[in-house]
Protein backbone atom coordinates (compact mmCIF):
# COMPACT_ATOMS: atom_id res chain seq x y z
CA MET A 1 -9.10 1.33 15.41
CA ALA A 2 -7.76 -2.09 15.79
CA PHE A 3 -6.88 -4.43 12.35
CA LYS A 4 -9.24 -7.54 12.52
CA THR A 5 -9.33 -7.92 8.78
CA LEU A 6 -5.82 -7.62 6.56
CA PHE A 7 -6.60 -8.56 2.59
CA THR A 8 -3.99 -8.80 0.37
CA VAL A 9 -4.20 -9.29 -3.93
CA LEU A 10 -1.84 -12.30 -4.75
CA THR A 11 -0.82 -11.57 -8.95
CA ASP A 12 3.04 -12.80 -9.10
CA VAL A 13 3.22 -16.26 -7.19
CA ASP A 14 6.95 -14.69 -6.78
CA LEU A 15 5.60 -11.76 -4.68
CA VAL A 16 4.29 -14.55 -2.87
CA PRO A 17 6.48 -14.55 0.14
CA SER A 18 7.70 -11.33 0.72
CA VAL A 19 4.11 -10.25 0.75
CA LEU A 20 2.48 -13.06 3.03
CA ASP A 21 5.30 -12.54 5.39
CA GLN A 22 4.09 -8.93 6.25
CA ALA A 23 0.67 -9.73 6.38
CA VAL A 24 0.84 -12.62 8.43
CA ALA A 25 3.28 -10.44 10.90
CA LEU A 26 0.45 -7.94 11.56
CA ALA A 27 -2.28 -10.66 11.79
CA GLU A 28 -0.23 -11.82 14.47
CA ALA A 29 0.11 -9.01 16.29
CA HIS A 30 -3.20 -7.87 15.96
CA ASP A 31 -5.13 -11.02 16.52
CA ALA A 32 -6.53 -10.51 12.90
CA HIS A 33 -8.32 -12.65 10.26
CA LEU A 34 -6.56 -12.19 6.58
CA ASP A 35 -7.91 -12.63 3.15
CA ALA A 36 -6.29 -13.42 0.15
CA LEU A 37 -7.24 -12.84 -3.51
CA CYS A 38 -5.44 -14.87 -5.53
CA LEU A 39 -5.84 -13.60 -9.01
CA GLY A 40 -4.56 -14.61 -12.60
CA VAL A 41 -4.75 -11.57 -14.85
CA ASP A 42 -4.82 -11.19 -18.22
CA ARG A 43 -2.58 -8.61 -18.78
CA THR A 44 -3.65 -8.47 -22.78
CA GLN A 45 -5.23 -4.46 -22.97
CA THR A 46 -9.15 -5.02 -24.25
CA GLY A 47 -9.05 -3.76 -27.95
CA TYR A 48 -5.29 -4.57 -28.51
CA TYR A 49 -5.80 -8.24 -30.30
CA TYR A 50 -5.37 -7.90 -33.75
CA ALA A 51 -8.48 -8.14 -36.12
CA GLY A 52 -7.71 -11.34 -37.13
CA ALA A 53 -7.09 -13.53 -33.60
CA ASN A 54 -9.73 -16.20 -33.31
CA ALA A 55 -11.11 -18.04 -30.04
CA MET A 56 -8.06 -19.95 -29.40
CA ILE A 57 -5.81 -17.23 -29.15
CA LEU A 58 -8.51 -15.28 -26.77
CA GLN A 59 -8.46 -19.34 -24.83
CA GLU A 60 -5.00 -19.64 -24.44
CA THR A 61 -5.07 -16.15 -22.58
CA ILE A 62 -7.59 -16.95 -20.08
CA THR A 63 -6.14 -21.02 -19.64
CA ARG A 64 -2.49 -19.16 -18.43
CA ALA A 65 -4.40 -16.92 -16.05
CA GLU A 66 -6.46 -19.76 -14.82
CA THR A 67 -2.93 -22.23 -14.17
CA GLU A 68 -1.28 -18.99 -13.13
CA SER A 69 -4.63 -18.15 -10.15
CA LYS A 70 -4.42 -21.51 -9.30
CA ALA A 71 -0.33 -21.70 -8.20
CA ILE A 72 -0.23 -18.50 -7.05
CA GLU A 73 -3.49 -20.07 -4.14
CA ALA A 74 -1.85 -22.95 -3.92
CA LEU A 75 1.63 -21.33 -2.68
CA ALA A 76 -0.67 -18.98 -0.37
CA LYS A 77 -2.93 -21.64 1.33
CA THR A 78 0.60 -23.57 2.39
CA HIS A 79 2.08 -20.31 3.22
CA LEU A 80 -1.08 -19.54 5.27
CA THR A 81 -1.56 -22.96 6.73
CA ARG A 82 2.37 -23.14 8.22
CA SER A 83 1.74 -20.04 10.24
CA GLY A 84 -0.96 -20.92 12.03
CA VAL A 85 -3.56 -17.23 11.70
CA ARG A 86 -7.02 -17.31 10.57
CA PHE A 87 -7.28 -16.80 6.91
CA GLY A 88 -9.64 -17.76 3.88
CA THR A 89 -8.50 -17.79 0.20
CA ASP A 90 -10.14 -17.14 -3.44
CA SER A 91 -9.35 -17.36 -6.40
CA GLY A 92 -10.11 -16.35 -9.87
CA VAL A 93 -9.29 -14.83 -13.42
CA THR A 94 -9.55 -11.23 -14.70
CA GLN A 95 -8.64 -8.71 -17.79
CA LEU A 96 -6.50 -5.78 -17.14
CA ALA A 97 -9.63 -3.46 -17.91
CA ASP A 98 -11.93 -5.79 -14.95
CA LEU A 99 -9.54 -5.78 -12.48
CA ASN A 100 -11.10 -2.28 -10.15
CA ARG A 101 -13.95 -4.48 -9.61
CA HIS A 102 -12.81 -6.91 -8.01
CA VAL A 103 -9.90 -5.80 -6.06
CA ALA A 104 -12.81 -2.17 -4.55
CA ALA A 105 -15.73 -4.70 -3.31
CA ARG A 106 -13.38 -6.47 -1.10
CA ALA A 107 -10.42 -3.86 0.06
CA ARG A 108 -13.61 -2.01 1.38
CA PHE A 109 -14.42 -4.22 4.12
CA ALA A 110 -10.62 -4.75 5.48
CA ASP A 111 -8.85 -2.91 7.79
CA LEU A 112 -5.62 -2.54 6.11
CA VAL A 113 -4.44 -4.16 2.53
CA VAL A 114 -1.16 -5.45 2.21
CA LEU A 115 0.24 -5.08 -1.22
CA PRO A 116 3.58 -5.50 -2.96
CA LYS A 117 5.13 -2.39 -4.10
CA PRO A 118 4.13 -2.04 -8.34
CA TYR A 119 7.47 -0.56 -9.25
CA GLY A 120 10.44 -2.33 -10.08
CA LYS A 121 11.92 -5.37 -12.77
CA ASP A 122 10.20 -7.89 -13.26
CA ARG A 123 6.88 -6.00 -11.66
CA GLY A 124 3.70 -6.78 -13.46
CA ALA A 125 1.15 -4.08 -15.00
CA GLU A 126 -1.97 -4.85 -12.93
CA LEU A 127 0.21 -4.06 -9.32
CA GLU A 128 -0.36 -0.16 -9.71
CA PRO A 129 -4.31 -0.51 -10.48
CA VAL A 130 -4.94 -2.72 -7.84
CA ILE A 131 -2.88 -0.66 -5.05
CA GLU A 132 -5.13 2.20 -7.03
CA ALA A 133 -8.29 0.08 -6.89
CA ALA A 134 -8.21 -0.66 -3.09
CA MET A 135 -7.47 2.82 -1.71
CA PHE A 136 -9.29 5.16 -4.24
CA ASP A 137 -12.58 2.86 -4.85
CA GLY A 138 -12.30 0.84 -2.40
CA LEU A 139 -11.07 3.68 0.11
CA ALA A 140 -8.90 1.30 2.02
CA PRO A 141 -5.28 2.43 3.92
CA VAL A 142 -2.89 0.22 1.93
CA LEU A 143 0.85 -0.84 3.60
CA VAL A 144 3.08 -1.30 1.01
CA VAL A 145 5.65 -3.86 1.19
CA PRO A 146 8.86 -3.04 -1.01
CA GLY A 147 10.61 -6.83 -1.01
CA PRO A 148 11.73 -9.95 0.97
CA GLY A 149 13.24 -9.40 4.41
CA HIS A 150 11.05 -6.32 4.87
CA ALA A 151 8.35 -7.23 7.11
CA ILE A 152 7.68 -5.41 10.17
CA THR A 153 5.15 -6.17 12.78
CA THR A 154 5.81 -2.89 15.35
CA PRO A 155 7.60 0.01 13.44
CA LYS A 156 10.44 1.14 15.59
CA ARG A 157 10.66 4.28 13.97
CA VAL A 158 8.22 6.55 11.65
CA ILE A 159 8.08 9.41 9.89
CA ILE A 160 4.43 11.06 8.79
CA GLY A 161 4.70 13.52 5.40
CA TRP A 162 2.30 16.09 6.80
CA ASN A 163 1.33 18.87 4.50
CA GLU A 164 -1.86 19.47 6.50
CA GLY A 165 -4.50 17.85 3.78
CA ALA A 166 -7.16 15.60 4.46
CA GLU A 167 -5.67 12.27 2.69
CA ALA A 168 -2.58 12.87 5.14
CA LEU A 169 -4.74 12.88 7.85
CA ARG A 170 -7.12 9.89 7.17
CA ALA A 171 -3.30 7.96 6.63
CA VAL A 172 -2.49 8.98 10.26
CA ARG A 173 -5.97 7.85 11.57
CA ALA A 174 -6.00 4.77 9.72
CA ALA A 175 -2.09 3.94 10.57
CA MET A 176 -2.56 4.91 14.57
CA PRO A 177 -2.59 1.23 16.17
CA LEU A 178 1.31 1.06 14.51
CA LEU A 179 1.80 4.96 15.46
CA ILE A 180 0.99 4.13 19.03
CA ALA A 181 3.26 1.23 19.19
CA ALA A 182 6.60 2.78 17.46
CA ASP A 183 9.19 3.72 19.76
CA ALA A 184 8.99 7.34 18.08
CA VAL A 185 6.92 8.75 15.04
CA HIS A 186 8.62 12.15 12.95
CA VAL A 187 6.02 14.96 11.57
CA VAL A 188 7.95 15.49 9.04
CA VAL A 189 6.48 19.37 7.51
CA ILE A 190 8.23 20.53 4.24
CA ASP A 191 8.46 23.72 3.34
CA PRO A 192 5.23 25.61 5.87
CA PRO A 193 3.93 28.27 4.44
CA THR A 194 5.30 31.42 5.15
CA HIS A 195 1.19 32.68 5.44
CA GLY A 196 -0.51 29.73 6.62
CA ALA A 197 -2.75 28.89 9.37
CA HIS A 198 -0.27 27.13 11.72
CA ARG A 199 3.30 28.83 10.62
CA SER A 200 4.17 29.52 13.88
CA ASP A 201 3.83 26.46 14.58
CA PRO A 202 3.53 23.77 11.93
CA GLY A 203 2.94 20.34 13.13
CA GLY A 204 2.00 21.24 16.18
CA LEU A 205 -1.89 20.37 16.32
CA LEU A 206 -1.88 17.00 14.54
CA SER A 207 1.44 16.09 17.70
CA GLN A 208 -0.90 17.10 19.94
CA TYR A 209 -3.38 14.92 18.70
CA LEU A 210 -0.94 12.47 18.40
CA ALA A 211 0.11 12.59 21.74
CA ARG A 212 -3.16 12.16 23.66
CA HIS A 213 -3.16 8.89 22.20
CA GLY A 214 -0.27 8.22 23.54
CA VAL A 215 2.76 7.89 20.42
CA LYS A 216 5.61 9.39 21.08
CA VAL A 217 6.20 12.41 18.34
CA GLU A 218 8.61 14.76 17.33
CA ILE A 219 8.25 17.66 14.78
CA ASP A 220 10.76 17.76 12.14
CA VAL A 221 10.31 20.87 9.83
CA LEU A 222 12.78 20.78 6.82
CA ALA A 223 13.34 22.40 3.77
CA LYS A 224 12.59 21.07 0.19
CA THR A 225 16.67 21.26 -0.49
CA MET A 226 15.93 18.91 -3.53
CA PRO A 227 13.48 18.61 -6.43
CA ARG A 228 10.48 16.38 -5.21
CA VAL A 229 9.56 16.26 -1.90
CA SER A 230 9.56 12.25 -1.69
CA ASP A 231 12.98 13.14 -2.32
CA VAL A 232 13.29 15.03 1.24
CA LEU A 233 11.42 12.63 2.81
CA LEU A 234 13.15 9.65 1.92
CA ARG A 235 16.54 11.57 2.27
CA HIS A 236 14.97 12.24 6.00
CA ALA A 237 13.89 8.38 6.39
CA THR A 238 17.17 7.32 5.82
CA ASP A 239 18.92 10.26 8.11
CA ILE A 240 16.86 9.13 11.13
CA SER A 241 16.96 5.39 10.37
CA ALA A 242 13.52 5.20 9.64
CA ASP A 243 11.50 1.89 9.05
CA MET A 244 8.39 3.35 7.68
CA VAL A 245 6.92 6.06 6.26
CA VAL A 246 2.75 7.28 6.72
CA MET A 247 1.43 9.31 3.91
CA GLY A 248 -1.83 10.51 1.78
CA ALA A 249 -2.05 9.18 -1.50
CA TYR A 250 -3.48 11.60 -4.23
CA GLY A 251 -4.64 11.04 -7.91
CA HIS A 252 -4.48 13.32 -10.45
CA SER A 253 -6.11 11.85 -14.04
CA ARG A 254 -9.49 9.93 -14.34
CA PHE A 255 -7.84 8.85 -17.46
CA ARG A 256 -8.19 4.84 -15.50
CA GLU A 257 -10.52 5.04 -12.39
CA ALA A 258 -7.68 6.58 -10.78
CA ILE A 259 -4.14 7.63 -11.78
CA LEU A 260 -1.49 8.14 -8.67
CA GLY A 261 0.05 11.26 -8.60
CA GLY A 262 3.47 12.74 -8.77
CA ALA A 263 4.34 12.92 -5.14
CA THR A 264 2.43 9.39 -4.83
CA ARG A 265 3.93 7.26 -7.28
CA ASN A 266 7.29 8.66 -7.05
CA MET A 267 7.10 7.60 -3.26
CA LEU A 268 6.42 4.22 -4.26
CA GLU A 269 8.99 4.02 -6.98
CA GLN A 270 11.38 5.14 -4.45
CA SER A 271 11.27 4.10 -1.08
CA ALA A 272 13.54 1.12 -0.01
CA ILE A 273 11.08 1.16 3.02
CA THR A 274 7.21 0.35 3.90
CA VAL A 275 4.86 2.60 2.94
CA PHE A 276 1.95 3.14 4.68
CA MET A 277 -0.87 5.26 2.86
CA ALA A 278 -4.82 6.54 2.04
CA HIS A 279 -6.55 8.49 0.69
């Protein structure tokens, strides 16, 4: 499946250039349409206002969010008009508690959602729930941009974090246009189970599946020599100079609509390269 509809959510004016650079690069490469939702977010949690808060204070937070939304959309339109890709923008204001609904409704009709890395210095509290909404409720694959200067059109070397899970397989299928175009794709299996169904050929069936699509694939079986699987994956990505990781996204708690699981969160916190994930 080709990427014909790309989608992004912009909530921070400082992150607009790096996210749109990546989204535009993919839109140009795949002749795709790009939609950008420019949101001003009221980051005060519902119920956190003190008892004496009046309408003026509430209105101030909404006004600030409206101002942010307009600034983000103006910058996005300038950037996208200059690029020449087909695009559409929409803007609005939302509270953190209602963010999921706005993002999921649009993400579900996109082939790929391009979003910024949610963790790090000066990253807003809304970035994580945006990713969660796109993947868990929008059911869309997400490409996470680590920062400026990381826009890729065709990744040269890709690693797939493979554990035979349904989420990992969905990520592989969704990433197929990028995998086919890559110079090399490494299926990484960490500590395959001794008594598993495919213990004699870990990753073999996935490798066969990818090869039939024309993917130049290799299998790397690694030992879990570090406490976390994400650490092993990222170290291997560095060792082979990979520029993209493909993996399944997992959720544990339902405290919110979804909470990113440990391995998923660790990957997004630590990765300095592009991460492609699906749930």
